[in-house]
Amino acid sequence: MRDPDIILLDEPTNHLDTDALFWLESYLKASRKTILVISHDRYFLDRVVTRIIELHDGKAEFYSGNYSFYVQEKQARFDLQLKQYEKEQAKLGQLGFTLEPFGRNDYILRGVPALGSLCRIDAVQPMNIDSTNMSPDCWLALAECLRDHYDRYDGFVITHGTDTMAYTACALSYLVQHSGKPIVLTGAQKSIYVQDTDARRNLYDAFVAAQDDCLAGVYIVFDGRVILGTRARKTRTKSMNAFSSIDYPDVALIRDGRILHYILQGKPPMPPVFHDKLDANVFVLRLIPGMNPDVLRPLANRFDALVIESFGVGGLPCYEQADFLSAASAWSSAGKPIVITTQVPHEGSDLAVYQVGARVAAQPGILQAYTMTAEAVVTKLMWILPQTRDLAQIKRLFYTPIACDLLLFEEHGQHTDESN
């Protein structure tokens, strides 16, 4: 080798045996020249380098030491920034200001330094809002962002507030169909900037799932669980295990950075299909005993579809002088669908069990959710309505299983099972 002023080495330890690696390390340690090394071999870096340069978002940060020092110093710098941020937030709290989303991607990713050795990550920020403020327009913006970047990456992670994350997961399951790549949503019950947060683990696990070759489609990763997007629901407001998979097994578990698959769904045989329209005019009505059915009539003039959360396995009340079924006729006459679902979290609806349900099931324009979650029912209707206003076509699309949203039902003698 000649005596250069600068040596640039790109992954120099690849394919080297022990003797060759020993010679290379000895040569580099003895050299007094400037040597720039790009490597994923942390042990090699620990033994050879004396300075680390981290490139992130077009900026360079310098660390005087080997790789182990870099990891510790990076965390120390982050902790210092965190303490400064917490002091600022405490001052704002004393002044009466409320906390708002704090979602700078570089700060979030720096909160989990181990991600740097897991995969290459690029970050964009299509929005920074409290998840309570999510809307169908936000879902369309996320779907558009995924479409614009789909061919360039192997997987996607979306950080999201927990309160409406199940709705977003369902919406993306309909807006981005047949994805051969994992689209993973995650969040946390506590901010990444507090000591006992679950955010760091959830974020790391999300990237473990996003780079997994056996996953395809939309998922929520939370508390070590990989949950199919159309089956997820937030079932706890404060606990770390906030999300459950409703009437469907977890797809996988993640423990200590390793993924254990329970269900292998396989890659779709066709390319992804992206949709860009939603109808937000869907109303959800939760029944209570004694509710006046007249509430249905004015709703028919303002909304395009109605979801009724009924009692038990489903049905509509029929009081002595007030009949919900008669009030629902205004929707059928206007060609607008009604979907009956249940307030019970598990096992779905079955209108055939009782008379109050059977008489409803016989009416045109009234569908039932069966095993679909309420989040899936609402977002699927939003996806269907821009495509057609024909009740027969709405029924066909609604009863067509997508991403395991509809697991098992019988409709006019036909049996459908999409549990696999």
Protein backbone atom coordinates (compact mmCIF):
# COMPACT_ATOMS: atom_id res chain seq x y z
CA MET A 1 0.00 0.00 0.00
CA ARG A 2 1.30 3.46 -0.90
CA ASP A 3 1.72 6.17 1.73
CA PRO A 4 -1.45 8.24 1.31
CA ASP A 5 -2.42 11.37 3.26
CA ILE A 6 -6.03 10.22 3.74
CA ILE A 7 -7.36 6.66 3.73
CA LEU A 8 -11.09 6.04 3.17
CA LEU A 9 -12.31 2.55 4.17
CA ASP A 10 -15.88 1.39 3.50
CA GLU A 11 -16.83 -1.72 5.54
CA PRO A 12 -13.19 -2.90 5.63
CA THR A 13 -13.83 -5.95 7.84
CA ASN A 14 -16.25 -7.63 5.44
CA HIS A 15 -15.07 -11.13 4.45
CA LEU A 16 -11.76 -10.87 6.37
CA ASP A 17 -10.46 -13.85 8.29
CA THR A 18 -8.87 -13.48 11.72
CA ASP A 19 -5.29 -13.06 10.43
CA ALA A 20 -6.26 -10.42 7.87
CA LEU A 21 -8.34 -8.54 10.45
CA PHE A 22 -5.41 -8.55 12.92
CA TRP A 23 -3.07 -7.17 10.23
CA LEU A 24 -5.55 -4.44 9.27
CA GLU A 25 -6.08 -3.32 12.86
CA SER A 26 -2.32 -3.27 13.51
CA TYR A 27 -1.70 -1.23 10.39
CA LEU A 28 -4.39 1.32 11.20
CA LYS A 29 -3.24 1.74 14.81
CA ALA A 30 0.36 2.30 13.69
CA SER A 31 -0.56 4.76 10.95
CA ARG A 32 -0.20 8.49 11.61
CA LYS A 33 -2.34 9.43 8.62
CA THR A 34 -5.99 10.53 8.61
CA ILE A 35 -8.17 7.44 8.22
CA LEU A 36 -11.93 7.68 7.62
CA VAL A 37 -13.80 4.41 8.32
CA ILE A 38 -17.42 3.54 7.53
CA SER A 39 -18.35 0.33 9.31
CA HIS A 40 -21.17 -1.54 11.10
CA ASP A 41 -18.60 -3.58 13.05
CA ARG A 42 -18.76 -1.96 16.49
CA TYR A 43 -16.06 -4.20 17.92
CA PHE A 44 -13.65 -3.19 15.15
CA LEU A 45 -14.51 0.46 15.76
CA ASP A 46 -13.92 0.05 19.48
CA ARG A 47 -10.43 -1.32 18.87
CA VAL A 48 -9.32 1.10 16.15
CA VAL A 49 -11.03 4.50 16.00
CA THR A 50 -10.33 7.50 18.24
CA ARG A 51 -13.10 9.77 16.98
CA ILE A 52 -16.69 9.29 15.81
CA ILE A 53 -18.56 11.57 13.41
CA GLU A 54 -22.35 11.12 13.36
CA LEU A 55 -24.21 12.43 10.31
CA HIS A 56 -27.91 13.13 10.93
CA ASP A 57 -30.35 15.41 9.10
CA GLY A 58 -27.52 17.07 7.18
CA LYS A 59 -25.54 17.86 10.35
CA ALA A 60 -22.34 16.40 11.78
CA GLU A 61 -21.70 15.80 15.49
CA PHE A 62 -18.23 14.89 16.75
CA TYR A 63 -17.36 12.49 19.58
CA SER A 64 -13.78 12.08 20.83
CA GLY A 65 -13.47 8.37 21.58
CA ASN A 66 -14.25 4.92 20.28
CA TYR A 67 -17.70 3.47 19.57
CA SER A 68 -18.50 2.58 23.18
CA PHE A 69 -17.66 6.11 24.24
CA TYR A 70 -19.86 7.45 21.43
CA VAL A 71 -22.89 5.45 22.64
CA GLN A 72 -22.46 6.67 26.23
CA GLU A 73 -21.74 10.26 25.27
CA LYS A 74 -24.67 10.41 22.86
CA GLN A 75 -27.02 9.28 25.62
CA ALA A 76 -25.46 11.79 28.03
CA ARG A 77 -26.01 14.63 25.56
CA PHE A 78 -29.59 13.54 25.04
CA ASP A 79 -30.19 13.36 28.81
CA LEU A 80 -28.82 16.90 29.15
CA GLN A 81 -31.17 18.15 26.42
CA LEU A 82 -34.00 16.28 28.10
CA LYS A 83 -33.37 17.93 31.47
CA GLN A 84 -33.32 21.32 29.78
CA TYR A 85 -36.59 20.53 28.00
CA GLU A 86 -38.24 19.32 31.23
CA LYS A 87 -37.18 22.52 33.01
CA GLU A 88 -38.72 24.57 30.21
CA GLN A 89 -41.94 22.55 30.38
CA ALA A 90 -42.05 22.94 34.16
CA LYS A 91 -41.76 26.70 33.79
CA LEU A 92 -44.53 26.68 31.21
CA GLY A 93 -46.66 24.62 33.60
CA GLN A 94 -46.12 27.18 36.37
CA LEU A 95 -47.26 29.88 33.98
CA GLY A 96 -50.44 27.95 33.22
CA PHE A 97 -49.56 26.63 29.76
CA THR A 98 -50.66 23.10 28.78
CA LEU A 99 -48.38 20.53 27.22
CA GLU A 100 -48.54 20.11 23.46
CA PRO A 101 -47.17 17.37 21.20
CA PHE A 102 -43.39 17.46 21.03
CA GLY A 103 -42.47 15.42 18.03
CA ARG A 104 -39.21 16.53 16.47
CA ASN A 105 -38.11 13.38 14.73
CA ASP A 106 -34.43 13.85 15.48
CA TYR A 107 -35.10 14.13 19.21
CA ILE A 108 -37.37 11.10 19.21
CA LEU A 109 -34.86 8.94 17.34
CA ARG A 110 -32.01 10.12 19.52
CA GLY A 111 -33.97 8.94 22.51
CA VAL A 112 -33.23 5.36 21.37
CA PRO A 113 -29.57 5.31 20.26
CA ALA A 114 -29.69 1.54 19.64
CA LEU A 115 -31.82 2.19 16.56
CA GLY A 116 -28.70 3.37 14.77
CA SER A 117 -27.28 -0.15 14.72
CA LEU A 118 -30.60 -1.77 13.80
CA CYS A 119 -31.30 -0.22 10.39
CA ARG A 120 -30.93 2.95 8.34
CA ILE A 121 -33.66 5.40 9.24
CA ASP A 122 -34.95 8.47 7.42
CA ALA A 123 -37.60 10.60 9.12
CA VAL A 124 -40.32 12.88 7.83
CA GLN A 125 -42.97 14.72 9.83
CA PRO A 126 -46.26 15.02 7.91
CA MET A 127 -47.98 16.45 11.01
CA ASN A 128 -47.44 17.10 14.72
CA ILE A 129 -50.80 17.10 16.51
CA ASP A 130 -52.48 15.58 19.52
CA SER A 131 -54.04 12.32 18.39
CA THR A 132 -57.43 13.54 19.60
CA ASN A 133 -57.26 16.00 16.70
CA MET A 134 -56.76 13.27 14.07
CA SER A 135 -59.24 13.37 11.21
CA PRO A 136 -59.87 11.59 7.89
CA ASP A 137 -57.82 14.31 6.19
CA CYS A 138 -54.87 13.29 8.37
CA TRP A 139 -55.33 9.65 7.37
CA LEU A 140 -55.30 10.64 3.70
CA ALA A 141 -52.11 12.65 4.26
CA LEU A 142 -50.43 9.64 5.88
CA ALA A 143 -51.51 7.37 3.02
CA GLU A 144 -50.15 9.87 0.50
CA CYS A 145 -46.85 10.05 2.38
CA LEU A 146 -46.59 6.25 2.35
CA ARG A 147 -47.34 6.15 -1.38
CA ASP A 148 -44.71 8.80 -2.16
CA HIS A 149 -42.00 6.91 -0.26
CA TYR A 150 -43.16 3.33 -0.71
CA ASP A 151 -40.63 2.19 -3.34
CA ARG A 152 -37.62 3.60 -1.47
CA TYR A 153 -37.93 1.76 1.84
CA ASP A 154 -38.40 -1.76 3.21
CA GLY A 155 -40.74 -0.78 6.04
CA PHE A 156 -42.42 2.16 7.73
CA VAL A 157 -42.93 3.28 11.33
CA ILE A 158 -45.57 5.87 12.25
CA THR A 159 -45.36 7.41 15.72
CA HIS A 160 -48.85 8.24 16.91
CA GLY A 161 -50.73 9.23 20.03
CA THR A 162 -52.54 6.29 21.58
CA ASP A 163 -56.06 7.71 21.82
CA THR A 164 -56.96 7.38 18.12
CA MET A 165 -54.20 5.07 16.93
CA ALA A 166 -56.61 2.14 16.40
CA TYR A 167 -58.72 4.30 14.08
CA THR A 168 -55.64 5.31 12.10
CA ALA A 169 -54.49 1.69 11.83
CA CYS A 170 -57.89 0.69 10.45
CA ALA A 171 -58.05 3.62 8.05
CA LEU A 172 -54.59 2.84 6.64
CA SER A 173 -55.59 -0.82 6.27
CA TYR A 174 -58.25 0.33 3.77
CA LEU A 175 -56.29 3.16 2.17
CA VAL A 176 -53.15 1.03 1.61
CA GLN A 177 -54.19 -2.47 0.58
CA HIS A 178 -52.00 -5.44 -0.41
CA SER A 179 -48.86 -3.87 1.04
CA GLY A 180 -45.97 -6.30 0.87
CA LYS A 181 -44.09 -4.21 3.39
CA PRO A 182 -44.83 -3.66 7.10
CA ILE A 183 -46.49 -0.39 8.08
CA VAL A 184 -46.15 -0.15 11.85
CA LEU A 185 -47.85 2.29 14.20
CA THR A 186 -46.64 2.79 17.73
CA GLY A 187 -46.89 5.24 20.59
CA ALA A 188 -46.53 5.35 24.34
CA GLN A 189 -48.46 5.90 27.52
CA LYS A 190 -45.71 8.16 28.86
CA SER A 191 -43.57 10.71 27.08
CA ILE A 192 -40.19 9.61 25.77
CA TYR A 193 -38.75 12.44 27.84
CA VAL A 194 -39.58 10.91 31.25
CA GLN A 195 -37.52 8.27 33.03
CA ASP A 196 -40.07 5.46 33.35
CA THR A 197 -41.39 5.78 29.81
CA ASP A 198 -42.55 2.90 27.64
CA ALA A 199 -41.78 4.96 24.54
CA ARG A 200 -38.20 3.76 24.03
CA ARG A 201 -39.12 0.10 24.11
CA ASN A 202 -42.18 0.56 21.88
CA LEU A 203 -40.21 2.59 19.35
CA TYR A 204 -37.39 0.05 19.20
CA ASP A 205 -39.87 -2.83 18.88
CA ALA A 206 -41.68 -0.99 16.09
CA PHE A 207 -38.48 -0.83 14.05
CA VAL A 208 -37.80 -4.50 14.77
CA ALA A 209 -41.21 -5.27 13.26
CA ALA A 210 -40.78 -2.82 10.36
CA GLN A 211 -37.64 -4.59 9.14
CA ASP A 212 -39.07 -8.09 9.53
CA ASP A 213 -39.43 -9.96 6.22
CA CYS A 214 -42.39 -12.03 7.46
CA LEU A 215 -44.68 -9.06 8.15
CA ALA A 216 -46.75 -7.33 5.49
CA GLY A 217 -49.58 -4.86 5.97
CA VAL A 218 -50.61 -2.52 8.79
CA TYR A 219 -49.88 -3.28 12.46
CA ILE A 220 -49.82 -1.70 15.87
CA VAL A 221 -46.77 -2.59 17.98
CA PHE A 222 -47.24 -1.91 21.67
CA ASP A 223 -45.90 -3.44 24.88
CA GLY A 224 -44.09 -6.14 22.94
CA ARG A 225 -47.20 -7.20 21.00
CA VAL A 226 -47.68 -7.07 17.23
CA ILE A 227 -51.40 -6.54 16.56
CA LEU A 228 -53.09 -6.56 13.17
CA GLY A 229 -54.30 -3.06 12.31
CA THR A 230 -57.96 -3.97 11.81
CA ARG A 231 -58.13 -5.93 15.08
CA ALA A 232 -56.51 -3.42 17.45
CA ARG A 233 -58.32 -1.40 20.08
CA LYS A 234 -57.19 0.71 23.00
CA THR A 235 -58.64 -1.03 26.06
CA ARG A 236 -56.75 0.70 28.88
CA THR A 237 -56.27 4.41 29.42
CA LYS A 238 -53.13 4.38 31.60
CA SER A 239 -51.55 0.92 31.72
CA MET A 240 -48.56 0.08 29.55
CA ASN A 241 -50.46 -2.82 27.95
CA ALA A 242 -52.97 -0.36 26.55
CA PHE A 243 -53.88 -2.19 23.32
CA SER A 244 -55.64 -5.50 22.76
CA SER A 245 -56.26 -7.63 19.71
CA ILE A 246 -60.03 -8.11 19.52
CA ASP A 247 -61.15 -11.70 18.76
CA TYR A 248 -57.89 -12.41 16.92
CA PRO A 249 -54.50 -13.63 18.16
CA ASP A 250 -51.48 -11.37 18.33
CA VAL A 251 -49.55 -11.76 15.11
CA ALA A 252 -46.24 -11.87 16.96
CA LEU A 253 -44.46 -11.00 20.20
CA ILE A 254 -41.22 -9.06 20.56
CA ARG A 255 -38.94 -9.89 23.46
CA ASP A 256 -35.46 -8.41 23.95
CA GLY A 257 -35.39 -7.16 20.39
CA ARG A 258 -36.29 -10.53 18.87
CA ILE A 259 -39.60 -11.25 17.17
CA LEU A 260 -41.54 -14.46 17.77
CA HIS A 261 -44.15 -15.10 15.09
CA TYR A 262 -47.49 -16.68 15.91
CA ILE A 263 -49.19 -16.15 12.54
CA LEU A 264 -47.41 -16.04 9.19
CA GLN A 265 -49.70 -14.30 6.72
CA GLY A 266 -47.39 -14.27 3.72
CA LYS A 267 -46.77 -11.58 1.13
CA PRO A 268 -49.67 -10.49 -1.11
CA PRO A 269 -49.40 -11.73 -4.71
CA MET A 270 -50.28 -8.32 -6.16
CA PRO A 271 -48.73 -4.84 -5.90
CA PRO A 272 -50.06 -2.39 -3.29
CA VAL A 273 -53.19 -0.39 -4.03
CA PHE A 274 -53.43 3.15 -2.64
CA HIS A 275 -56.75 4.95 -2.17
CA ASP A 276 -57.11 8.71 -1.81
CA LYS A 277 -60.75 9.36 -0.84
CA LEU A 278 -62.74 9.08 2.37
CA ASP A 279 -66.24 10.22 3.30
CA ALA A 280 -66.15 11.61 6.83
CA ASN A 281 -69.95 11.89 7.07
CA VAL A 282 -70.42 8.74 9.14
CA PHE A 283 -72.25 9.03 12.47
CA VAL A 284 -71.95 6.65 15.41
CA LEU A 285 -74.95 6.39 17.76
CA ARG A 286 -74.61 4.52 21.03
CA LEU A 287 -77.97 3.27 22.27
CA ILE A 288 -79.08 3.66 25.86
CA PRO A 289 -82.24 2.12 27.34
CA GLY A 290 -85.26 4.32 26.64
CA MET A 291 -83.65 6.44 23.91
CA ASN A 292 -86.20 8.20 21.70
CA PRO A 293 -85.97 6.81 18.13
CA ASP A 294 -86.83 10.25 16.72
CA VAL A 295 -83.14 11.04 17.06
CA LEU A 296 -82.54 9.03 13.86
CA ARG A 297 -84.63 11.19 11.52
CA PRO A 298 -82.66 14.47 11.54
CA LEU A 299 -79.39 12.54 11.34
CA ALA A 300 -80.46 11.13 7.96
CA ASN A 301 -80.39 14.64 6.49
CA ARG A 302 -76.84 15.36 7.61
CA PHE A 303 -74.89 12.11 7.36
CA ASP A 304 -74.23 9.49 4.68
CA ALA A 305 -74.08 6.41 6.91
CA LEU A 306 -75.06 5.48 10.45
CA VAL A 307 -73.40 3.04 12.84
CA ILE A 308 -75.61 2.00 15.76
CA GLU A 309 -73.87 0.49 18.77
CA SER A 310 -76.61 -1.76 20.12
CA PHE A 311 -76.88 -4.03 23.15
CA GLY A 312 -75.53 -7.59 23.34
CA VAL A 313 -75.59 -9.48 20.05
CA GLY A 314 -77.52 -6.64 18.43
CA GLY A 315 -81.01 -5.43 17.65
CA LEU A 316 -83.16 -2.32 17.72
CA PRO A 317 -85.58 -1.54 20.56
CA CYS A 318 -89.32 -1.65 19.92
CA TYR A 319 -91.10 0.29 22.63
CA GLU A 320 -94.89 0.51 22.93
CA GLN A 321 -95.22 3.77 21.04
CA ALA A 322 -91.74 4.22 19.65
CA ASP A 323 -90.12 1.92 17.11
CA PHE A 324 -86.51 2.34 16.05
CA LEU A 325 -87.12 0.25 12.96
CA SER A 326 -89.72 2.70 11.66
CA ALA A 327 -87.41 5.61 12.34
CA ALA A 328 -84.62 3.83 10.46
CA SER A 329 -86.77 3.69 7.33
CA ALA A 330 -85.80 7.30 6.60
CA TRP A 331 -82.24 6.10 6.03
CA SER A 332 -83.31 3.25 3.75
CA SER A 333 -85.56 5.59 1.75
CA ALA A 334 -82.61 7.93 1.22
CA GLY A 335 -80.38 5.05 0.12
CA LYS A 336 -78.09 5.43 3.11
CA PRO A 337 -76.71 2.39 4.97
CA ILE A 338 -77.09 1.58 8.64
CA VAL A 339 -74.67 -0.82 10.33
CA ILE A 340 -75.60 -2.53 13.59
CA THR A 341 -72.69 -3.36 15.87
CA THR A 342 -72.43 -4.15 19.56
CA GLN A 343 -71.27 -2.26 22.61
CA VAL A 344 -69.70 -5.48 23.91
CA PRO A 345 -65.93 -5.61 23.21
CA HIS A 346 -65.69 -9.26 22.19
CA GLU A 347 -67.44 -11.89 20.02
CA GLY A 348 -69.31 -9.48 17.75
CA SER A 349 -72.95 -9.20 16.69
CA ASP A 350 -75.48 -11.82 15.61
CA LEU A 351 -78.88 -10.40 14.70
CA ALA A 352 -80.35 -13.87 14.20
CA VAL A 353 -80.38 -14.71 17.92
CA TYR A 354 -83.36 -12.62 19.11
CA GLN A 355 -86.49 -11.24 17.48
CA VAL A 356 -85.35 -7.65 18.03
CA GLY A 357 -82.39 -8.50 15.83
CA ALA A 358 -84.02 -10.81 13.28
CA ARG A 359 -86.60 -8.20 12.30
CA VAL A 360 -83.76 -5.72 11.73
CA ALA A 361 -81.67 -8.10 9.64
CA ALA A 362 -84.57 -8.56 7.21
CA GLN A 363 -84.66 -4.85 6.34
CA PRO A 364 -82.92 -3.57 3.19
CA GLY A 365 -80.08 -1.18 3.79
CA ILE A 366 -79.34 -2.46 7.30
CA LEU A 367 -76.08 -4.37 7.73
CA GLN A 368 -74.41 -5.85 10.77
CA ALA A 369 -70.79 -5.70 11.83
CA TYR A 370 -70.38 -9.34 12.91
CA THR A 371 -66.80 -9.58 14.22
CA MET A 372 -65.59 -6.19 12.99
CA THR A 373 -64.40 -3.68 15.57
CA ALA A 374 -66.20 -0.35 15.76
CA GLU A 375 -63.03 1.36 14.48
CA ALA A 376 -63.02 -0.90 11.43
CA VAL A 377 -66.73 -0.40 10.77
CA VAL A 378 -66.44 3.39 10.77
CA THR A 379 -63.32 3.64 8.63
CA LYS A 380 -64.49 0.96 6.17
CA LEU A 381 -67.70 2.88 5.56
CA MET A 382 -65.66 6.05 5.03
CA TRP A 383 -63.62 4.15 2.44
CA ILE A 384 -66.65 2.60 0.69
CA LEU A 385 -68.90 5.65 0.33
CA PRO A 386 -66.70 7.62 -2.13
CA GLN A 387 -66.75 4.56 -4.41
CA THR A 388 -70.51 3.95 -4.58
CA ARG A 389 -73.86 5.03 -3.14
CA ASP A 390 -75.68 1.95 -4.37
CA LEU A 391 -76.86 -0.04 -1.33
CA ALA A 392 -76.23 -3.38 -3.00
CA GLN A 393 -72.65 -2.41 -3.85
CA ILE A 394 -72.10 -0.94 -0.39
CA LYS A 395 -73.25 -4.25 1.08
CA ARG A 396 -70.95 -6.23 -1.20
CA LEU A 397 -67.90 -4.12 -0.34
CA PHE A 398 -68.72 -4.05 3.36
CA TYR A 399 -68.97 -7.84 3.53
CA THR A 400 -65.76 -8.33 1.52
CA PRO A 401 -63.04 -9.15 4.11
CA ILE A 402 -60.00 -6.89 4.03
CA ALA A 403 -56.94 -7.51 6.20
CA CYS A 404 -58.91 -9.89 8.44
CA ASP A 405 -61.39 -7.20 9.45
CA LEU A 406 -64.32 -9.62 9.01
CA LEU A 407 -63.43 -13.03 10.35
CA LEU A 408 -66.49 -15.27 10.33
CA PHE A 409 -70.07 -14.62 9.28
CA GLU A 410 -72.98 -16.12 7.40
CA GLU A 411 -74.97 -14.00 4.98
CA HIS A 412 -77.88 -15.56 3.08
CA GLY A 413 -76.44 -19.03 3.52
CA GLN A 414 -72.94 -18.12 2.39
CA HIS A 415 -70.12 -18.84 4.81
CA THR A 416 -67.01 -16.70 4.90
CA ASP A 417 -63.91 -17.27 6.99
CA GLU A 418 -60.83 -15.07 6.66
CA SER A 419 -59.06 -16.17 9.80
CA ASN A 420 -56.00 -17.32 7.88
